[in-house]
Amino acid sequence: MKIFRCLRQSKNHASEKSATDKELQRKSSAIPKNFPEAVKILLLGTAESGKTTIIKQMRILHINGYTDDERRDNIPEIYQNIHESIYQLVQHMSILGLEYQSCASKHSAAYILSMGDTAPEYMNEEYCDHVMTLWNDFGIRTCYERSNEFPLSDSTKYFLDNFERICQDDYIPTTEDILHSRKVTTGIHNISFRVQIPKYLGGGEQIFHMYDVGGQRDQRNKWIQVFEGIQAVLFLISCSDFDQTLREDPTQNRLIEALSLFRGVWQNRFLSSAGFIVFLNKQDILRRKIAAGKHIVDYFPEFEDFCNSPQAESCFDECDWTKKFIKQKLIDITEEPVKRPSRNLMNHNAKRECYYHFTVATDTGCIRKVFNDVHQMILHDNLAQMNLM
C-alpha cells in the first residue's frame, strides 16, 4: 500500500473538503468497520533525533499512558540522565578553560567527579546539595552555553531546572519527565496501538504497528530487518543539531550526517513504495539556540545565499529562515535522480511525495495534532483504494 499517493495538501482544498465529507457520509455504509490491513510505520533518523520520544507519545495518546508503578520504573533512568549531565559539565570545565565561581563549587565538582559516570541509587541530601550548588554556578552555566562543543543531552536544562522537585523522597516522574528522559536505543523496539476512525468515515478502528530502531552508526545495519512490509517511513531530523558533532565521530557534523542518512533512506529501493513523512524536530531547542546567538551560517555557508532565494519567502526571523533552509535541503535530496530504481515501482517516472512537519516531540499537543493529520492521510488513501474517493 502506497500511503500518500494522492494526498497533496493545500489551503485551496478547504472548500472541497466539505463536499468530499458529505459524499463520504453517503458512502460510509460501504466502508468496513475495521480496515483489514494494519499500518506499519518505521521510525528512522540519527541518534537523539527524537524517535523514542515519538514512541512514548503514541503510548500516552493511544494506550492510556503510564501507571504510577511504570512511572517509578523510570526513576533510575532519570537519575542517570541527571548525573551524566552534571558529570559531563564538570568534566568539560577544565577542558574549556572555565573557572568556578566559588570554592564551594570546586568542592562540589570534586565530589561529582569522584563518583564516576554512574548515578547513585538514591539521591541523598549531600548529593543533591552538590548538584544544586553546581547548577547555580556561573562557570557551569557558561559551560552549558558551550555544550555544542561536547556531547550533552538535550534534556540537561530541563532536568537540572527541575532538580529540586526530582530529588524529593516521594518523587514520582511526571509525563513530561518521562518524555524528556533519554536512553540509548539498541536493537528493534515496537509498539502497537489502535486509533479511532471518525464516524463520517464509517467508524471503527485502524491498527498501527510502529517500529523504533537505534540511530547510532553501529545500529543501522539492523534496519534492513524491518524494511519488509513497511507502509510509511517517519524520518526525524533534529534541526537544532546544526552546531553539534556525533558522539561516535566528533569530526562529523550531526545535521550533515542526518541529511546524508535521509538521502540513503529515500533512495533505498526496499522503501520505494513507502509513504514518507519528515518531522523537522526540536524546534524549541532550535529557537533557543538562535536566541542565544548561535547561527547556522557558521556551519552551512550556503545559508547566506538561501536567504536571498525565492524559496525562503514568508520567513520572518532567523529561526524561520533556518528551519526553511533545512527543509529545502531535504526537498533538494528528494529531487535528485534515483541511483537504483526499484522493480517494485510500476512507474519509475511518478513523483514520490514527502510530507514535512515542524515538531517538538516532547510536546504532546503538537504530536497529537501532527499524528491526527498523518492518520487522516492514511484513511483517505485507504478509501481511495476502495474507490470511495
Protein backbone atom coordinates (compact mmCIF):
# COMPACT_ATOMS: atom_id res chain seq x y z
CA MET A 1 0.00 0.00 0.00
CA LYS A 2 1.43 3.34 -1.02
CA ILE A 3 0.00 5.63 1.59
CA PHE A 4 0.41 9.13 0.26
CA ARG A 5 -0.07 8.64 -3.45
CA CYS A 6 -2.92 11.08 -3.92
CA LEU A 7 -2.77 13.28 -0.87
CA ARG A 8 -1.38 16.65 -1.99
CA GLN A 9 -2.38 19.21 0.62
CA SER A 10 -3.03 22.89 0.10
CA LYS A 11 -5.16 25.62 1.53
CA ASN A 12 -7.18 25.65 -1.70
CA HIS A 13 -8.61 22.26 -0.77
CA ALA A 14 -10.54 23.65 2.22
CA SER A 15 -13.68 24.36 0.19
CA GLU A 16 -13.50 20.95 -1.50
CA LYS A 17 -13.26 19.14 1.84
CA SER A 18 -16.84 19.92 2.87
CA ALA A 19 -18.27 18.49 -0.34
CA THR A 20 -15.99 15.47 -0.06
CA ASP A 21 -17.08 14.80 3.53
CA LYS A 22 -20.77 14.83 2.51
CA GLU A 23 -20.03 12.36 -0.26
CA LEU A 24 -18.11 10.15 2.15
CA GLN A 25 -21.03 10.19 4.57
CA ARG A 26 -23.28 8.94 1.78
CA LYS A 27 -20.90 6.09 1.06
CA SER A 28 -19.97 5.30 4.66
CA SER A 29 -22.18 2.21 4.77
CA ALA A 30 -19.80 0.63 2.26
CA ILE A 31 -16.74 1.14 4.50
CA PRO A 32 -15.68 -1.79 6.69
CA LYS A 33 -15.70 -1.05 10.40
CA ASN A 34 -12.09 -2.09 10.69
CA PHE A 35 -9.66 -1.71 7.81
CA PRO A 36 -8.25 -5.19 7.28
CA GLU A 37 -4.61 -4.18 6.96
CA ALA A 38 -2.62 -2.79 9.89
CA VAL A 39 -0.38 0.15 9.08
CA LYS A 40 3.33 -0.45 9.70
CA ILE A 41 5.34 2.72 10.37
CA LEU A 42 9.12 2.72 10.65
CA LEU A 43 10.83 5.45 12.67
CA LEU A 44 14.24 6.37 11.28
CA GLY A 45 16.82 9.07 11.93
CA THR A 46 20.15 9.65 13.60
CA ALA A 47 20.71 9.07 17.30
CA GLU A 48 18.99 11.58 19.62
CA SER A 49 16.67 12.88 16.92
CA GLY A 50 13.56 12.06 18.98
CA LYS A 51 12.39 8.69 17.66
CA THR A 52 11.92 7.06 21.06
CA THR A 53 10.06 10.14 22.28
CA ILE A 54 7.54 9.61 19.47
CA ILE A 55 7.03 6.03 20.67
CA LYS A 56 6.37 7.35 24.18
CA GLN A 57 3.88 9.88 22.77
CA MET A 58 1.96 7.11 20.99
CA ARG A 59 1.68 5.30 24.31
CA ILE A 60 0.44 8.46 26.03
CA LEU A 61 -2.03 9.29 23.28
CA HIS A 62 -3.31 5.82 22.39
CA ILE A 63 -2.51 3.36 25.22
CA ASN A 64 -3.58 5.26 28.35
CA GLY A 65 -0.11 6.50 29.28
CA TYR A 66 1.76 5.25 32.37
CA THR A 67 0.66 3.83 35.71
CA ASP A 68 2.36 5.03 38.93
CA ASP A 69 4.40 1.82 39.07
CA GLU A 70 5.55 2.33 35.49
CA ARG A 71 6.43 5.93 36.28
CA ARG A 72 8.55 4.78 39.22
CA ASP A 73 10.32 2.33 36.91
CA ASN A 74 11.65 5.36 35.02
CA ILE A 75 13.36 6.87 38.11
CA PRO A 76 16.76 5.16 37.62
CA GLU A 77 16.88 6.34 34.00
CA ILE A 78 16.07 9.92 35.03
CA TYR A 79 18.65 9.82 37.83
CA GLN A 80 21.22 8.60 35.30
CA ASN A 81 20.30 11.39 32.86
CA ILE A 82 20.82 13.99 35.59
CA HIS A 83 24.10 12.53 36.81
CA GLU A 84 25.54 12.15 33.30
CA SER A 85 24.63 15.76 32.56
CA ILE A 86 26.27 17.29 35.64
CA TYR A 87 29.23 14.92 35.30
CA GLN A 88 29.80 15.97 31.66
CA LEU A 89 29.57 19.64 32.60
CA VAL A 90 32.09 19.27 35.40
CA GLN A 91 34.45 17.26 33.18
CA HIS A 92 34.45 19.94 30.50
CA MET A 93 35.01 22.91 32.79
CA SER A 94 38.78 22.37 32.70
CA ILE A 95 38.78 21.27 29.07
CA LEU A 96 37.15 24.57 28.06
CA GLY A 97 39.36 26.56 30.43
CA LEU A 98 36.47 27.78 32.58
CA GLU A 99 36.61 28.74 36.27
CA TYR A 100 34.15 28.01 39.07
CA GLN A 101 32.50 30.95 40.81
CA SER A 102 33.29 29.77 44.35
CA CYS A 103 35.31 27.37 46.45
CA ALA A 104 32.06 25.58 47.33
CA SER A 105 31.50 24.86 43.64
CA LYS A 106 35.04 23.47 43.31
CA HIS A 107 34.37 21.18 46.27
CA SER A 108 31.08 20.04 44.71
CA ALA A 109 32.80 19.39 41.38
CA ALA A 110 35.40 17.19 43.08
CA TYR A 111 32.59 15.24 44.78
CA ILE A 112 30.78 14.60 41.48
CA LEU A 113 33.99 13.55 39.70
CA SER A 114 34.83 11.12 42.50
CA MET A 115 31.57 9.26 41.79
CA GLY A 116 32.40 8.45 38.19
CA ASP A 117 29.72 8.46 35.49
CA THR A 118 27.21 6.20 37.25
CA ALA A 119 24.32 7.80 39.12
CA PRO A 120 23.70 6.99 42.79
CA GLU A 121 20.86 4.58 43.52
CA TYR A 122 19.36 7.14 45.88
CA MET A 123 19.76 10.91 45.82
CA ASN A 124 20.76 11.72 49.38
CA GLU A 125 20.88 15.23 50.78
CA GLU A 126 24.64 15.60 50.30
CA TYR A 127 24.48 14.65 46.61
CA CYS A 128 21.51 16.95 45.96
CA ASP A 129 23.24 19.90 47.61
CA HIS A 130 26.31 19.43 45.42
CA VAL A 131 24.27 19.22 42.21
CA MET A 132 22.26 22.36 43.06
CA THR A 133 25.42 24.25 44.02
CA LEU A 134 26.97 23.41 40.67
CA TRP A 135 23.90 24.23 38.57
CA ASN A 136 23.72 27.65 40.24
CA ASP A 137 27.39 28.32 39.48
CA PHE A 138 28.10 30.92 36.77
CA GLY A 139 31.01 28.86 35.41
CA ILE A 140 28.84 25.76 34.95
CA ARG A 141 26.15 27.85 33.22
CA THR A 142 28.82 29.20 30.86
CA CYS A 143 29.93 25.63 30.20
CA TYR A 144 26.32 24.69 29.43
CA GLU A 145 26.06 27.54 26.91
CA ARG A 146 29.03 25.99 25.10
CA SER A 147 27.62 22.46 25.19
CA ASN A 148 27.59 22.23 21.39
CA GLU A 149 31.36 21.70 21.75
CA PHE A 150 30.91 18.37 23.56
CA PRO A 151 28.22 15.67 23.88
CA LEU A 152 25.48 16.74 26.29
CA SER A 153 21.89 15.59 26.48
CA ASP A 154 19.20 17.97 25.21
CA SER A 155 17.28 17.31 28.43
CA THR A 156 20.08 18.67 30.66
CA LYS A 157 18.48 22.06 31.30
CA TYR A 158 15.02 20.58 31.83
CA PHE A 159 16.14 18.10 34.49
CA LEU A 160 18.55 20.42 36.30
CA ASP A 161 15.95 23.20 36.36
CA ASN A 162 13.55 20.70 37.94
CA PHE A 163 16.12 19.00 40.13
CA GLU A 164 14.79 20.27 43.47
CA ARG A 165 11.46 18.58 42.74
CA ILE A 166 13.05 15.40 41.38
CA CYS A 167 15.33 14.82 44.38
CA GLN A 168 12.39 14.65 46.84
CA ASP A 169 11.91 11.32 48.65
CA ASP A 170 8.35 10.91 47.36
CA TYR A 171 9.24 11.73 43.74
CA ILE A 172 7.11 10.12 41.03
CA PRO A 173 8.05 11.12 37.45
CA THR A 174 5.53 13.23 35.57
CA THR A 175 4.62 12.50 31.97
CA GLU A 176 6.85 15.39 30.92
CA ASP A 177 9.75 13.93 32.93
CA ILE A 178 9.35 10.62 31.09
CA LEU A 179 9.22 12.36 27.71
CA HIS A 180 12.46 14.20 28.47
CA SER A 181 14.31 11.12 29.73
CA ARG A 182 16.89 9.62 27.38
CA LYS A 183 18.29 6.14 26.92
CA VAL A 184 20.34 4.84 24.00
CA THR A 185 18.15 2.66 21.77
CA THR A 186 19.74 -0.63 20.77
CA GLY A 187 18.03 -3.30 18.74
CA ILE A 188 14.48 -3.01 17.46
CA HIS A 189 11.51 -1.91 19.55
CA ASN A 190 7.88 -1.71 18.52
CA ILE A 191 4.54 -0.55 19.80
CA SER A 192 1.06 -1.47 18.58
CA PHE A 193 -2.00 0.67 19.11
CA ARG A 194 -5.46 1.37 17.75
CA VAL A 195 -6.79 4.70 16.54
CA GLN A 196 -10.47 5.51 16.23
CA ILE A 197 -11.75 6.22 12.72
CA PRO A 198 -14.13 9.23 12.53
CA LYS A 199 -17.81 8.36 12.26
CA TYR A 200 -18.17 10.25 8.99
CA LEU A 201 -15.63 7.79 7.55
CA GLY A 202 -17.54 4.78 8.81
CA GLY A 203 -16.24 4.46 12.36
CA GLY A 204 -14.25 1.53 13.66
CA GLU A 205 -10.52 1.38 14.32
CA GLN A 206 -7.21 1.44 12.48
CA ILE A 207 -4.38 -0.68 13.87
CA PHE A 208 -0.84 0.72 13.82
CA HIS A 209 2.47 -1.05 14.34
CA MET A 210 5.31 1.43 14.91
CA TYR A 211 8.97 0.35 14.92
CA ASP A 212 11.88 2.20 16.53
CA VAL A 213 15.48 1.25 15.72
CA GLY A 214 18.74 2.62 17.09
CA GLY A 215 20.13 5.60 15.20
CA GLN A 216 23.82 5.19 16.05
CA ARG A 217 26.04 4.12 13.18
CA ASP A 218 26.68 0.68 14.68
CA GLN A 219 22.90 0.06 14.92
CA ARG A 220 21.94 0.93 11.35
CA ASN A 221 22.90 -2.46 9.94
CA LYS A 222 19.81 -3.80 11.77
CA TRP A 223 17.40 -1.51 9.92
CA ILE A 224 17.04 -3.82 6.93
CA GLN A 225 15.40 -6.40 9.21
CA VAL A 226 12.23 -4.30 9.47
CA PHE A 227 12.01 -2.87 5.94
CA GLU A 228 9.70 -5.59 4.65
CA GLY A 229 6.03 -4.59 4.63
CA ILE A 230 6.65 -1.04 5.82
CA GLN A 231 3.95 1.29 4.50
CA ALA A 232 5.25 4.57 5.91
CA VAL A 233 8.63 5.91 6.98
CA LEU A 234 8.62 8.59 9.65
CA PHE A 235 12.06 10.21 9.43
CA LEU A 236 13.17 12.54 12.22
CA ILE A 237 15.65 15.36 11.72
CA SER A 238 16.91 17.26 14.76
CA CYS A 239 17.03 20.83 13.45
CA SER A 240 18.97 22.01 16.49
CA ASP A 241 21.92 19.74 15.62
CA PHE A 242 23.45 22.19 13.14
CA ASP A 243 26.27 23.16 15.54
CA GLN A 244 26.99 19.74 17.07
CA THR A 245 29.03 16.66 16.17
CA LEU A 246 28.27 12.96 16.54
CA ARG A 247 29.04 11.21 19.80
CA GLU A 248 30.55 8.33 17.82
CA ASP A 249 32.52 10.61 15.45
CA PRO A 250 33.50 14.09 16.75
CA THR A 251 34.65 15.09 13.24
CA GLN A 252 31.18 14.76 11.69
CA ASN A 253 28.50 17.46 11.94
CA ARG A 254 25.23 15.94 13.16
CA LEU A 255 22.97 17.72 10.69
CA ILE A 256 25.18 16.78 7.74
CA GLU A 257 25.04 13.17 8.94
CA ALA A 258 21.24 13.35 9.19
CA LEU A 259 20.89 14.73 5.65
CA SER A 260 23.21 12.04 4.30
CA LEU A 261 21.22 9.36 6.13
CA PHE A 262 17.95 10.73 4.75
CA ARG A 263 19.37 10.52 1.22
CA GLY A 264 20.23 6.86 1.77
CA VAL A 265 16.79 6.04 3.16
CA TRP A 266 14.93 7.99 0.46
CA GLN A 267 16.85 6.20 -2.28
CA ASN A 268 16.62 2.76 -0.68
CA ARG A 269 14.83 0.52 -3.18
CA PHE A 270 13.24 -1.56 -0.40
CA LEU A 271 11.36 1.53 0.80
CA SER A 272 10.47 2.92 -2.61
CA SER A 273 6.76 2.20 -2.23
CA ALA A 274 6.50 3.51 1.34
CA GLY A 275 4.99 6.88 2.17
CA PHE A 276 7.47 9.37 3.60
CA ILE A 277 6.87 11.84 6.42
CA VAL A 278 9.63 14.02 7.86
CA PHE A 279 9.46 15.53 11.31
CA LEU A 280 11.78 18.53 11.47
CA ASN A 281 12.10 18.12 15.19
CA LYS A 282 13.38 20.07 18.22
CA GLN A 283 12.04 23.42 17.04
CA ASP A 284 12.06 24.62 20.66
CA ILE A 285 15.78 23.96 21.05
CA LEU A 286 16.49 25.49 17.64
CA ARG A 287 14.77 28.71 18.66
CA ARG A 288 16.58 28.75 22.00
CA LYS A 289 19.96 28.31 20.31
CA ILE A 290 19.35 31.10 17.83
CA ALA A 291 18.19 33.40 20.64
CA ALA A 292 21.48 32.62 22.42
CA GLY A 293 23.47 33.82 19.39
CA LYS A 294 24.13 30.54 17.53
CA HIS A 295 23.90 30.82 13.72
CA ILE A 296 23.60 28.05 11.14
CA VAL A 297 25.58 30.10 8.60
CA ASP A 298 28.72 29.40 10.66
CA TYR A 299 28.37 25.71 9.74
CA PHE A 300 26.50 25.93 6.42
CA PRO A 301 27.88 28.94 4.46
CA GLU A 302 25.30 28.38 1.70
CA PHE A 303 22.64 29.61 4.16
CA GLU A 304 23.54 33.18 3.20
CA ASP A 305 22.62 32.57 -0.44
CA PHE A 306 19.42 30.82 0.63
CA CYS A 307 18.30 33.95 2.46
CA ASN A 308 18.25 35.74 -0.90
CA SER A 309 16.45 32.93 -2.74
CA PRO A 310 12.75 32.80 -3.69
CA GLN A 311 12.32 29.53 -1.73
CA ALA A 312 12.71 31.45 1.51
CA GLU A 313 9.68 33.69 1.08
CA SER A 314 7.47 34.24 4.11
CA CYS A 315 10.38 33.97 6.56
CA PHE A 316 10.00 36.45 9.39
CA ASP A 317 13.04 35.88 11.60
CA GLU A 318 16.27 33.89 11.69
CA CYS A 319 14.54 30.86 13.18
CA ASP A 320 12.11 30.80 10.24
CA TRP A 321 14.98 31.16 7.79
CA THR A 322 16.86 28.33 9.45
CA LYS A 323 14.06 25.77 9.56
CA LYS A 324 13.04 26.56 5.95
CA PHE A 325 16.68 26.19 4.91
CA ILE A 326 16.86 22.71 6.45
CA LYS A 327 13.56 21.74 4.85
CA GLN A 328 14.84 22.90 1.45
CA LYS A 329 17.92 20.71 1.92
CA LEU A 330 15.58 17.74 2.28
CA ILE A 331 13.45 18.76 -0.71
CA ASP A 332 16.60 19.02 -2.84
CA ILE A 333 17.51 15.45 -1.86
CA THR A 334 14.08 14.13 -2.90
CA GLU A 335 14.55 15.73 -6.32
CA GLU A 336 17.88 14.05 -7.00
CA PRO A 337 17.91 11.25 -9.62
CA VAL A 338 17.35 7.81 -8.11
CA LYS A 339 20.57 5.83 -8.42
CA ARG A 340 18.98 2.39 -8.32
CA PRO A 341 15.26 2.35 -9.21
CA SER A 342 13.17 -0.35 -7.58
CA ARG A 343 11.48 -3.02 -9.65
CA ASN A 344 8.52 -2.63 -7.31
CA LEU A 345 7.68 0.79 -8.72
CA MET A 346 5.14 0.48 -11.50
CA ASN A 347 6.01 3.91 -12.88
CA HIS A 348 9.60 4.99 -12.36
CA ASN A 349 8.70 8.48 -13.57
CA ALA A 350 5.95 9.00 -10.99
CA LYS A 351 6.79 11.73 -8.50
CA ARG A 352 7.06 10.45 -4.95
CA GLU A 353 5.60 12.58 -2.21
CA CYS A 354 7.32 13.53 1.02
CA TYR A 355 5.41 15.39 3.73
CA TYR A 356 7.06 17.74 6.21
CA HIS A 357 6.04 18.81 9.72
CA PHE A 358 7.84 21.12 12.15
CA THR A 359 7.64 19.43 15.54
CA VAL A 360 8.57 19.40 19.21
CA ALA A 361 8.50 15.69 20.10
CA THR A 362 8.19 16.38 23.85
CA ASP A 363 5.02 18.47 23.26
CA THR A 364 2.07 16.06 23.44
CA GLY A 365 -0.34 18.61 21.96
CA CYS A 366 1.93 19.14 18.96
CA ILE A 367 2.36 15.40 18.32
CA ARG A 368 -1.38 14.77 18.76
CA LYS A 369 -2.17 17.31 16.04
CA VAL A 370 0.53 16.10 13.66
CA PHE A 371 -0.33 12.42 14.08
CA ASN A 372 -4.03 13.20 13.50
CA ASP A 373 -3.01 14.77 10.19
CA VAL A 374 -0.95 11.69 9.31
CA HIS A 375 -3.85 9.40 10.23
CA GLN A 376 -6.23 11.37 8.01
CA MET A 377 -3.83 10.96 5.09
CA ILE A 378 -3.75 7.21 5.62
CA LEU A 379 -7.54 6.94 5.89
CA HIS A 380 -8.12 8.93 2.73
CA ASP A 381 -5.68 6.75 0.81
CA ASN A 382 -7.36 3.58 2.08
CA LEU A 383 -10.68 4.94 0.86
CA ALA A 384 -9.19 5.88 -2.49
CA GLN A 385 -8.02 2.29 -2.94
CA MET A 386 -11.56 1.15 -2.22
CA ASN A 387 -12.86 3.54 -4.92
CA LEU A 388 -14.73 5.56 -2.29
CA MET A 389 -12.95 8.80 -3.11
